Amino acid sequence: MSLKVMLKKIDVLTFFEDGKIDPIKFRMNGRVYPVKRIHKQWIDEDSGTPLHNFIIQSDNDNNFQIQFDSSQFTWGLRQITEAIN
């Protein structure tokens, strides 16, 4: 398993309904990654701004931590954990 930590802006197709945030797919470096599964989600309010965090699995079995900043309405990639094949 390989772990990469970063903060990189990404585009995320998101479904918003009744206060719930569901990432559907995201684009990074020109490639689109569908969200296969959401493993965990939480809100971090330590910075004073609610940051919605998600650990997701894509179709390549890598796990990604993505983060939605609700004050800026932007998404960022925080971490990649690459699967061992």
Protein backbone atom coordinates (compact mmCIF):
# COMPACT_ATOMS: atom_id res chain seq x y z
CA MET A 1 0.00 0.00 0.00
CA SER A 2 1.31 3.44 -0.94
CA LEU A 3 0.11 6.64 0.76
CA LYS A 4 0.29 10.12 -0.79
CA VAL A 5 -0.81 13.20 1.18
CA MET A 6 -1.58 16.46 -0.61
CA LEU A 7 -4.10 19.23 -1.06
CA LYS A 8 -5.05 19.61 -4.69
CA LYS A 9 -8.15 21.27 -6.13
CA ILE A 10 -10.37 18.87 -8.06
CA ASP A 11 -13.71 18.98 -9.86
CA VAL A 12 -16.40 16.77 -8.36
CA LEU A 13 -19.82 15.92 -9.74
CA THR A 14 -21.94 16.06 -6.61
CA PHE A 15 -25.55 15.31 -5.70
CA PHE A 16 -26.93 17.63 -3.00
CA GLU A 17 -30.26 16.74 -1.39
CA ASP A 18 -31.82 17.50 2.00
CA GLY A 19 -28.48 18.56 3.51
CA LYS A 20 -26.75 15.41 2.27
CA ILE A 21 -23.68 15.58 0.03
CA ASP A 22 -22.97 12.66 -2.31
CA PRO A 23 -19.87 12.77 -4.52
CA ILE A 24 -20.61 10.86 -7.75
CA LYS A 25 -17.30 11.17 -9.64
CA PHE A 26 -14.28 13.45 -9.74
CA ARG A 27 -11.69 14.61 -12.24
CA MET A 28 -7.96 14.69 -11.50
CA ASN A 29 -5.16 15.25 -14.03
CA GLY A 30 -7.61 14.90 -16.93
CA ARG A 31 -8.96 11.53 -15.79
CA VAL A 32 -12.45 10.90 -14.42
CA TYR A 33 -12.77 8.62 -11.38
CA PRO A 34 -16.23 7.27 -10.54
CA VAL A 35 -17.06 6.89 -6.85
CA LYS A 36 -17.57 3.16 -6.38
CA ARG A 37 -18.07 3.32 -2.60
CA ILE A 38 -18.02 5.82 0.26
CA HIS A 39 -16.19 4.19 3.16
CA LYS A 40 -16.41 7.04 5.66
CA GLN A 41 -17.58 10.62 5.90
CA TRP A 42 -17.25 13.27 8.60
CA ILE A 43 -17.31 17.03 9.14
CA ASP A 44 -14.22 18.82 10.48
CA GLU A 45 -15.08 22.19 12.04
CA ASP A 46 -11.71 22.91 13.70
CA SER A 47 -10.91 25.70 11.21
CA GLY A 48 -14.23 27.46 11.86
CA THR A 49 -15.46 26.46 8.41
CA PRO A 50 -17.28 23.15 7.96
CA LEU A 51 -15.08 20.85 5.86
CA HIS A 52 -16.93 17.75 4.67
CA ASN A 53 -14.50 14.84 4.34
CA PHE A 54 -15.04 11.59 2.46
CA ILE A 55 -12.94 8.44 2.14
CA ILE A 56 -14.01 6.99 -1.19
CA GLN A 57 -13.05 4.04 -3.36
CA SER A 58 -12.83 4.39 -7.11
CA ASP A 59 -12.98 1.81 -9.89
CA ASN A 60 -9.22 1.21 -9.69
CA ASP A 61 -9.61 0.14 -6.01
CA ASN A 62 -7.54 3.10 -4.78
CA ASN A 63 -8.93 5.03 -1.82
CA PHE A 64 -9.09 8.82 -1.90
CA GLN A 65 -9.80 11.34 0.82
CA ILE A 66 -11.66 14.25 -0.73
CA GLN A 67 -12.86 17.35 1.08
CA PHE A 68 -15.67 19.82 0.38
CA ASP A 69 -15.23 23.37 1.71
CA SER A 70 -18.82 24.61 2.11
CA SER A 71 -17.77 28.25 2.58
CA GLN A 72 -15.85 28.38 -0.73
CA PHE A 73 -17.95 25.70 -2.47
CA THR A 74 -14.74 23.96 -3.61
CA TRP A 75 -13.41 20.42 -3.50
CA GLY A 76 -9.89 19.26 -2.72
CA LEU A 77 -8.03 15.97 -2.81
CA ARG A 78 -6.33 15.37 0.53
CA GLN A 79 -4.90 11.87 0.29
CA ILE A 80 -4.53 8.85 -1.99
CA THR A 81 -4.00 5.33 -0.73
CA GLU A 82 -3.01 3.16 -3.67
CA ALA A 83 -4.09 -0.47 -3.72
CA ILE A 84 -1.50 -3.22 -4.10
CA ASN A 85 -2.17 -5.30 -7.18
